[in-house]
Each structure stands twice: as C-alpha cells, then as structure tokens.
Amino acid sequence: MAWTVAALVLIAACGGDGQGSPDGGADGGQPTPIHFGVMVHLESGMQFTSQQMLMGYDQQVREVIDLFSDNQAKLTVESEKPYAEAAAQWAATDNALLHSLSKGLGVGTHCDIGGPQTTAADFAENKSKVDALVGAENNLGCSGGWGQSDWANAAADGGFKYLDGVVMMAYLGVPQQNRPIDPDTGSPYTDAKIQQTVYHDPAPPDLLDRTYPRLLADTNDLEADPDGRLLLLTGEIGEVASLYEGRSNCFPNCVLTQDDLDVIVDAVEQAYAGKDHSRFAMMYFHFPIGTLRADASGTTEQKKQLVAGWLQEMGTLAAAGKIQWVTMREAYEGCVAWQ
C-alpha cells in the first residue's frame, strides 16, 4: 500500500515508532508531559425504571465530576445505552453528561458490545444514543467494543475516531501469532487465557508500550499502521480500587485505599522516567461510580478526602511538567496534532 508523507509523519508522532530520544521533547528539545485522563463509565447493566431512580444515579455521577473539577483535574464520562436512553426520556436538557461538558470536562460512549459478530451498526447504535444528548461533535470516541471481530474498522465505520479503555480482550480480534507473549507459557496469549484470566487487564501488557497511542488500519495486530483510520488510545492503568491488589484478586469487592492511589503516582513516575519525549504519551484509569459509596472501609466524605489528597499530589506532578490533564477527546485531538 502507498504510504503518504502525511501518514508517516502522523504515525511517527502519534504512537508510532518515533525517532526521538528519552531525553528530548517533541521538537528534539524539552521534555514533554504524559497526558493524563480518567474514564467514568455509565455501565450497560444499569436499569432505570423511574425518573427518581435516574436522578439518584445522576447525582452520584455529578458528585464524581465535581470532585475532579473542583481540584483542577479532568475526566471523561462515557455512557452505555441505559443511562443515555433514560436521560433522553427524563433529563434531556439537564443530565450528568451535559454537566460534565459545562465544567469543561469530557463525554463519550461506553461500548459493552464486543463479540465475534460485532458490526459497525452496533457501534453506531451506541453512538447515536449519546449523540442525541451531547451532539456528535462532542462524542468522538468509545470505551470498549473488544471481541473476535475486526473491531477497529467496525468502530471507525460506526462513526468513532478513537477507542479507549483498552484491555486484553482487545487481543481476541488479533490472530494468536501476533499477540504478546504470555509470561506463564512463553507463547502468545490464547483465547482461553484472555477470556478466563486476564480479560480486564490493561493492554498492551508492557507499561511503556501502552503509553503510546497508535493508529490502526485493522486488528491484524495492535501495532501502529501508516494508513490507520482509528486511534487506539492506549495507556490504561486499570480500575482504581483494584490497582494495588490486582482486579482478579478483589473484584467485585475491591475497596479504594491510599495504596491504590500510590500505584497511579508510581506508574506515572516510572513511565515519565522511561518514555520517549518526542512521542505523544497517554495514561488513564477507570473510576467507577461506586468508588465513593460508603461502606465498611469509610464514608463517602472520607473517600472524597482520600481522592482529593491524591489529586493534590497529581497537581504537584502537573506543576512539575510530568503530566497534563486531558479529556479523552483532548487526548485524541492532541495526539493527531502532535508534531
């Protein structure tokens, strides 16, 4: 296939095999930050049978939005169909997605639709529900959609510019010989290992590798393609309350602790120390709505204080130029514009 000059420039800058050194910036000069974001998923398992139920959930989402906004941090709220449909019925002009936009934060779609037969129509259906609330111009990407199909082209054909929330399930659409090596076997990850054990672990497995988003033309592999049409916004760290224990060791009873938040700071420091500063770098994690819910480990207010203290620490990293807060849309736009 023909590789245009523009495509080669873009792939080298935005997640490709850049030629810069770990000590140089995008222009070969100063170091560059890791772009840092947070996903908040409004999941497919929700059922809203009344306006009162929707409003109660909506308030929980706004609580998370305000916590980050009040601490000069950014997040992106990504909705599956149930919340979007309920909001369209009962809160079309005043909902958590619009609240996020009003705070200068992000919105997007969540796609719990992966499988062997996932098509562009599946992605387009999810996208249309969120578009109806926030406008297509604000809804450029989706979290999820992984499965055995060519999800990259299906998502692009369905109207998305990028996919985030990249976990090991994404490799189900990649021929086994082109998958990473499973350290337990010395061979590429199998479908069985992915589906039974590591399905929700961040992908690619190597931290530094996944800090570099990459354009994909298909799912033959998850390496950058010069003719790519979908940005794979890699860089996930994991689900916040499971970071210290490991999700497979605590889910669904993971509880947020200071240890989990320390994992984020340590991962940023590790990635910043080793990254190629000529390349666009991205890191983010998932902050489930229930993270702040009162339980045996503490009240909602105590958990807010814990997160606020961590956000202050991240603010120190931002002031030092090690991170830059972004929404997922800003990450996509920044990556494709990176020179």
Protein backbone atom coordinates (compact mmCIF):
# COMPACT_ATOMS: atom_id res chain seq x y z
CA MET A 1 0.00 0.00 0.00
CA ALA A 2 1.10 3.60 -0.59
CA TRP A 3 2.33 5.45 2.48
CA THR A 4 1.81 9.20 2.20
CA VAL A 5 4.20 11.68 3.78
CA ALA A 6 1.39 12.96 6.00
CA ALA A 7 0.61 9.46 7.23
CA LEU A 8 4.24 8.73 8.00
CA VAL A 9 4.57 11.97 9.96
CA LEU A 10 1.39 11.23 11.93
CA ILE A 11 2.29 7.64 12.76
CA ALA A 12 5.76 8.63 13.96
CA ALA A 13 4.36 11.39 16.18
CA CYS A 14 1.15 9.78 17.46
CA GLY A 15 2.14 6.40 18.81
CA GLY A 16 4.33 5.15 16.01
CA ASP A 17 7.99 4.20 16.11
CA GLY A 18 9.26 7.70 16.78
CA GLN A 19 12.91 8.53 16.34
CA GLY A 20 13.28 10.83 19.34
CA SER A 21 15.27 10.01 22.44
CA PRO A 22 14.00 9.69 26.02
CA ASP A 23 15.77 12.97 26.81
CA GLY A 24 14.30 15.07 24.01
CA GLY A 25 10.91 16.78 23.57
CA ALA A 26 8.55 16.78 20.60
CA ASP A 27 10.89 19.22 18.85
CA GLY A 28 14.01 17.39 19.99
CA GLY A 29 14.31 19.85 22.88
CA GLN A 30 12.48 19.98 26.21
CA PRO A 31 10.82 17.01 27.94
CA THR A 32 7.10 16.61 27.34
CA PRO A 33 4.36 15.58 29.78
CA ILE A 34 2.31 12.43 29.98
CA HIS A 35 -1.25 13.32 29.03
CA PHE A 36 -3.40 12.03 31.88
CA GLY A 37 -7.10 11.29 31.98
CA VAL A 38 -9.83 9.41 33.84
CA MET A 39 -12.73 7.34 32.50
CA VAL A 40 -16.09 7.23 34.30
CA HIS A 41 -18.33 4.53 32.84
CA LEU A 42 -22.12 4.57 32.96
CA GLU A 43 -22.48 0.84 32.54
CA SER A 44 -24.75 -1.34 30.41
CA GLY A 45 -26.04 -3.25 33.44
CA MET A 46 -27.99 -0.27 34.79
CA GLN A 47 -31.79 -0.31 34.68
CA PHE A 48 -33.75 2.90 35.15
CA THR A 49 -37.42 2.21 35.76
CA SER A 50 -38.33 5.68 37.00
CA GLN A 51 -37.21 9.28 36.82
CA GLN A 52 -36.45 9.16 40.55
CA MET A 53 -34.04 6.27 40.03
CA LEU A 54 -32.30 8.13 37.23
CA MET A 55 -31.97 11.30 39.30
CA GLY A 56 -30.40 9.41 42.19
CA TYR A 57 -27.81 7.85 39.92
CA ASP A 58 -27.28 11.12 38.07
CA GLN A 59 -26.42 12.81 41.35
CA GLN A 60 -23.73 10.20 42.07
CA VAL A 61 -22.16 10.88 38.67
CA ARG A 62 -22.22 14.64 39.25
CA GLU A 63 -20.54 14.10 42.62
CA VAL A 64 -17.56 12.49 40.88
CA ILE A 65 -17.48 15.18 38.19
CA ASP A 66 -17.48 17.97 40.77
CA LEU A 67 -14.78 16.30 42.86
CA PHE A 68 -12.38 16.30 39.92
CA SER A 69 -13.43 19.70 38.59
CA ASP A 70 -13.05 21.36 42.00
CA ASN A 71 -9.48 20.03 42.14
CA GLN A 72 -8.49 21.28 38.65
CA ALA A 73 -8.45 17.76 37.22
CA LYS A 74 -10.21 16.27 34.20
CA LEU A 75 -12.27 13.19 33.45
CA THR A 76 -14.48 11.83 30.70
CA VAL A 77 -17.94 10.39 31.37
CA GLU A 78 -18.68 7.56 28.91
CA SER A 79 -22.23 6.25 28.69
CA GLU A 80 -23.73 2.98 27.54
CA LYS A 81 -27.32 2.84 26.24
CA PRO A 82 -29.33 2.54 29.52
CA TYR A 83 -28.30 5.88 31.01
CA ALA A 84 -28.41 7.68 27.66
CA GLU A 85 -31.89 6.37 26.91
CA ALA A 86 -33.21 7.22 30.37
CA ALA A 87 -31.68 10.69 30.25
CA ALA A 88 -33.25 11.30 26.84
CA GLN A 89 -36.64 10.42 28.33
CA TRP A 90 -36.45 12.27 31.65
CA ALA A 91 -33.46 14.65 31.64
CA ALA A 92 -32.62 15.59 28.08
CA THR A 93 -31.59 19.16 28.93
CA ASP A 94 -30.09 18.60 32.37
CA ASN A 95 -28.06 15.43 32.89
CA ALA A 96 -24.62 14.32 34.05
CA LEU A 97 -23.16 14.30 30.53
CA LEU A 98 -24.16 17.92 29.95
CA HIS A 99 -22.95 18.75 33.46
CA SER A 100 -19.54 17.32 32.57
CA LEU A 101 -19.35 19.47 29.44
CA SER A 102 -20.43 22.56 31.41
CA LYS A 103 -17.43 22.01 33.70
CA GLY A 104 -15.04 21.79 30.75
CA LEU A 105 -14.70 18.03 31.15
CA GLY A 106 -15.32 15.24 28.66
CA VAL A 107 -18.06 12.94 27.41
CA GLY A 108 -18.08 9.86 25.24
CA THR A 109 -19.70 6.49 24.67
CA HIS A 110 -19.24 3.21 26.51
CA CYS A 111 -19.46 0.06 24.36
CA ASP A 112 -20.18 -3.21 26.15
CA ILE A 113 -20.83 -4.81 22.76
CA GLY A 114 -17.79 -6.93 21.91
CA GLY A 115 -18.12 -10.38 20.39
CA PRO A 116 -17.48 -12.43 17.25
CA GLN A 117 -20.23 -10.68 15.29
CA THR A 118 -19.86 -7.06 16.41
CA THR A 119 -20.54 -4.74 13.47
CA ALA A 120 -20.41 -1.06 12.60
CA ALA A 121 -24.15 -0.92 13.24
CA ASP A 122 -23.58 -1.98 16.86
CA PHE A 123 -21.11 0.85 17.41
CA ALA A 124 -23.33 3.32 15.55
CA GLU A 125 -26.33 2.44 17.72
CA ASN A 126 -24.46 3.16 20.94
CA LYS A 127 -23.03 6.35 19.49
CA SER A 128 -26.42 7.65 18.38
CA LYS A 129 -27.80 7.44 21.93
CA VAL A 130 -25.07 9.69 23.33
CA ASP A 131 -25.04 11.95 20.26
CA ALA A 132 -28.70 12.72 20.95
CA LEU A 133 -27.77 14.13 24.36
CA VAL A 134 -24.50 15.97 23.73
CA GLY A 135 -24.14 16.34 19.96
CA ALA A 136 -21.96 14.25 17.66
CA GLU A 137 -19.26 16.92 17.76
CA ASN A 138 -18.67 16.19 21.46
CA ASN A 139 -18.86 12.40 21.18
CA LEU A 140 -15.85 11.23 19.19
CA GLY A 141 -14.84 8.04 20.97
CA CYS A 142 -15.93 4.93 22.79
CA SER A 143 -14.59 2.81 25.60
CA GLY A 144 -14.69 -0.90 24.81
CA GLY A 145 -16.14 -2.87 21.92
CA TRP A 146 -13.49 -5.60 22.06
CA GLY A 147 -14.08 -9.08 20.68
CA GLN A 148 -13.19 -11.54 17.96
CA SER A 149 -14.29 -9.28 15.10
CA ASP A 150 -12.25 -6.53 13.43
CA TRP A 151 -13.43 -4.01 15.99
CA ALA A 152 -11.12 -1.28 14.66
CA ASN A 153 -12.88 -1.00 11.31
CA ALA A 154 -16.28 -1.65 12.85
CA ALA A 155 -15.79 1.26 15.27
CA ALA A 156 -14.47 3.56 12.54
CA ASP A 157 -17.35 2.64 10.22
CA GLY A 158 -19.72 3.21 13.14
CA GLY A 159 -18.56 6.83 13.41
CA PHE A 160 -15.90 6.76 16.10
CA LYS A 161 -12.49 8.42 15.85
CA TYR A 162 -10.90 6.57 18.77
CA LEU A 163 -11.37 3.72 21.25
CA ASP A 164 -10.11 3.87 24.82
CA GLY A 165 -10.31 1.60 27.86
CA VAL A 166 -8.01 -0.83 26.07
CA VAL A 167 -7.83 -4.17 27.88
CA MET A 168 -6.59 -7.64 26.97
CA MET A 169 -9.95 -8.56 25.43
CA ALA A 170 -8.87 -6.38 22.51
CA TYR A 171 -6.44 -9.16 21.51
CA LEU A 172 -9.34 -11.54 20.83
CA GLY A 173 -9.60 -9.81 17.46
CA VAL A 174 -5.88 -10.32 16.75
CA PRO A 175 -4.50 -13.56 15.25
CA GLN A 176 -2.84 -15.52 18.05
CA GLN A 177 0.61 -15.41 16.46
CA ASN A 178 0.50 -11.59 16.59
CA ARG A 179 -0.38 -11.33 20.26
CA PRO A 180 2.04 -10.58 23.13
CA ILE A 181 3.88 -13.42 24.81
CA ASP A 182 2.22 -14.88 27.88
CA PRO A 183 5.00 -15.00 30.53
CA ASP A 184 3.41 -18.09 32.08
CA THR A 185 3.75 -20.17 28.90
CA GLY A 186 6.36 -18.45 26.71
CA SER A 187 3.82 -18.48 23.86
CA PRO A 188 1.31 -15.88 22.63
CA TYR A 189 -1.77 -15.38 24.78
CA THR A 190 -4.56 -17.82 23.92
CA ASP A 191 -8.26 -17.03 23.74
CA ALA A 192 -8.80 -19.17 26.84
CA LYS A 193 -6.20 -17.29 28.91
CA ILE A 194 -7.63 -13.94 27.84
CA GLN A 195 -11.26 -14.86 28.45
CA GLN A 196 -10.75 -16.67 31.74
CA THR A 197 -7.96 -14.74 33.46
CA VAL A 198 -6.51 -11.53 32.01
CA TYR A 199 -9.52 -10.21 30.07
CA HIS A 200 -9.75 -6.93 32.02
CA ASP A 201 -6.00 -6.30 32.44
CA PRO A 202 -4.59 -3.25 30.62
CA ALA A 203 -3.27 -3.76 27.10
CA PRO A 204 -0.65 -3.89 25.77
CA PRO A 205 0.86 -5.59 28.86
CA ASP A 206 4.07 -3.51 28.87
CA LEU A 207 3.58 -0.15 30.64
CA LEU A 208 5.83 1.93 28.39
CA ASP A 209 4.47 0.37 25.22
CA ARG A 210 0.91 1.22 26.11
CA THR A 211 1.68 4.85 26.95
CA TYR A 212 1.92 5.45 23.18
CA PRO A 213 -1.47 5.53 21.38
CA ARG A 214 -1.44 4.13 17.87
CA LEU A 215 -3.44 4.40 14.65
CA LEU A 216 -4.88 1.12 13.41
CA ALA A 217 -5.96 0.07 9.93
CA ASP A 218 -7.30 -3.26 11.24
CA THR A 219 -6.81 -5.75 14.06
CA ASN A 220 -4.23 -7.95 12.39
CA ASP A 221 -2.02 -6.68 15.20
CA LEU A 222 -2.11 -3.76 17.60
CA GLU A 223 0.97 -2.03 16.20
CA ALA A 224 0.73 1.37 14.51
CA ASP A 225 -0.34 1.41 10.84
CA PRO A 226 0.67 4.23 8.47
CA ASP A 227 -2.79 4.04 6.87
CA GLY A 228 -4.64 3.75 10.17
CA ARG A 229 -8.17 5.13 10.43
CA LEU A 230 -8.92 4.61 14.14
CA LEU A 231 -6.82 5.84 17.05
CA LEU A 232 -6.33 3.16 19.70
CA LEU A 233 -6.00 5.35 22.77
CA THR A 234 -3.88 3.02 24.89
CA GLY A 235 -2.46 3.96 28.27
CA GLU A 236 -4.89 2.43 30.75
CA ILE A 237 -3.61 1.62 34.22
CA GLY A 238 -6.71 -0.24 35.41
CA GLU A 239 -9.72 0.15 37.69
CA VAL A 240 -8.82 2.48 40.53
CA ALA A 241 -9.88 0.44 43.58
CA SER A 242 -8.13 -2.68 42.28
CA LEU A 243 -4.75 -1.24 41.39
CA TYR A 244 -2.88 -2.38 44.48
CA GLU A 245 -4.38 -5.87 44.83
CA GLY A 246 -4.96 -6.62 41.16
CA ARG A 247 -8.51 -6.82 39.83
CA SER A 248 -8.56 -10.61 39.62
CA ASN A 249 -7.77 -10.77 43.35
CA CYS A 250 -10.50 -8.47 44.66
CA PHE A 251 -13.29 -7.96 42.10
CA PRO A 252 -16.18 -7.36 42.71
CA ASN A 253 -15.28 -6.35 46.28
CA CYS A 254 -12.34 -4.04 45.60
CA VAL A 255 -12.14 -1.10 48.03
CA LEU A 256 -10.31 2.15 47.39
CA THR A 257 -7.24 2.71 49.58
CA GLN A 258 -4.24 5.01 49.61
CA ASP A 259 -2.21 2.09 48.28
CA ASP A 260 -4.30 2.10 45.08
CA LEU A 261 -3.69 5.80 44.54
CA ASP A 262 0.01 5.39 45.24
CA VAL A 263 0.15 2.85 42.38
CA ILE A 264 -1.00 5.60 39.98
CA VAL A 265 1.67 8.03 41.10
CA ASP A 266 4.36 5.36 40.93
CA ALA A 267 3.24 4.33 37.41
CA VAL A 268 3.40 7.94 36.22
CA GLU A 269 6.88 8.40 37.65
CA GLN A 270 8.06 5.14 36.07
CA ALA A 271 6.60 5.97 32.66
CA TYR A 272 7.89 9.54 32.71
CA ALA A 273 11.40 8.37 33.55
CA GLY A 274 11.47 5.89 30.67
CA LYS A 275 9.36 7.44 27.93
CA ASP A 276 10.43 8.84 24.59
CA HIS A 277 9.69 12.55 24.95
CA SER A 278 9.38 13.03 21.19
CA ARG A 279 6.22 10.91 21.20
CA PHE A 280 2.72 11.64 22.45
CA ALA A 281 2.22 9.73 25.70
CA MET A 282 -1.05 8.94 27.47
CA MET A 283 -2.10 7.33 30.76
CA TYR A 284 -5.51 6.98 32.41
CA PHE A 285 -7.65 4.77 34.64
CA HIS A 286 -11.28 3.86 35.28
CA PHE A 287 -13.09 5.47 38.22
CA PRO A 288 -16.36 3.52 38.72
CA ILE A 289 -19.35 5.42 40.06
CA GLY A 290 -19.45 3.23 43.17
CA THR A 291 -15.91 4.16 44.19
CA LEU A 292 -17.14 6.87 46.57
CA ARG A 293 -20.00 4.84 48.00
CA ALA A 294 -19.94 4.48 51.80
CA ASP A 295 -19.06 1.01 53.05
CA ALA A 296 -17.17 -0.69 55.87
CA SER A 297 -13.94 0.98 54.72
CA GLY A 298 -15.23 4.52 55.13
CA THR A 299 -17.87 7.16 54.49
CA THR A 300 -18.36 8.93 51.19
CA GLU A 301 -16.83 12.07 52.68
CA GLN A 302 -13.75 10.16 53.84
CA LYS A 303 -13.31 8.71 50.37
CA LYS A 304 -13.68 12.14 48.80
CA GLN A 305 -10.95 13.42 51.09
CA LEU A 306 -8.72 10.50 50.10
CA VAL A 307 -9.18 11.24 46.39
CA ALA A 308 -8.77 14.99 46.94
CA GLY A 309 -5.42 14.38 48.64
CA TRP A 310 -4.30 12.27 45.67
CA LEU A 311 -5.48 14.97 43.25
CA GLN A 312 -3.28 17.46 45.08
CA GLU A 313 -0.35 15.11 44.59
CA MET A 314 -1.18 14.87 40.88
CA GLY A 315 -1.33 18.66 40.84
CA THR A 316 2.28 18.68 42.00
CA LEU A 317 3.20 16.38 39.10
CA ALA A 318 1.36 18.71 36.72
CA ALA A 319 3.20 21.74 38.08
CA ALA A 320 6.47 19.88 37.50
CA GLY A 321 5.52 19.26 33.87
CA LYS A 322 5.27 15.49 34.29
CA ILE A 323 1.55 15.23 33.50
CA GLN A 324 -1.05 17.29 31.69
CA TRP A 325 -4.72 16.68 32.49
CA VAL A 326 -6.84 15.92 29.42
CA THR A 327 -10.25 14.64 28.47
CA MET A 328 -10.28 11.67 26.08
CA ARG A 329 -11.34 13.94 23.24
CA GLU A 330 -8.45 16.29 24.02
CA ALA A 331 -6.10 13.30 24.05
CA TYR A 332 -7.34 12.22 20.62
CA GLU A 333 -7.05 15.71 19.17
CA GLY A 334 -3.67 16.31 20.79
CA CYS A 335 -2.30 13.03 19.52
CA VAL A 336 -3.30 13.54 15.90
CA ALA A 337 -1.98 17.12 16.00
CA TRP A 338 1.34 16.14 17.62
CA GLN A 339 4.31 17.31 15.58
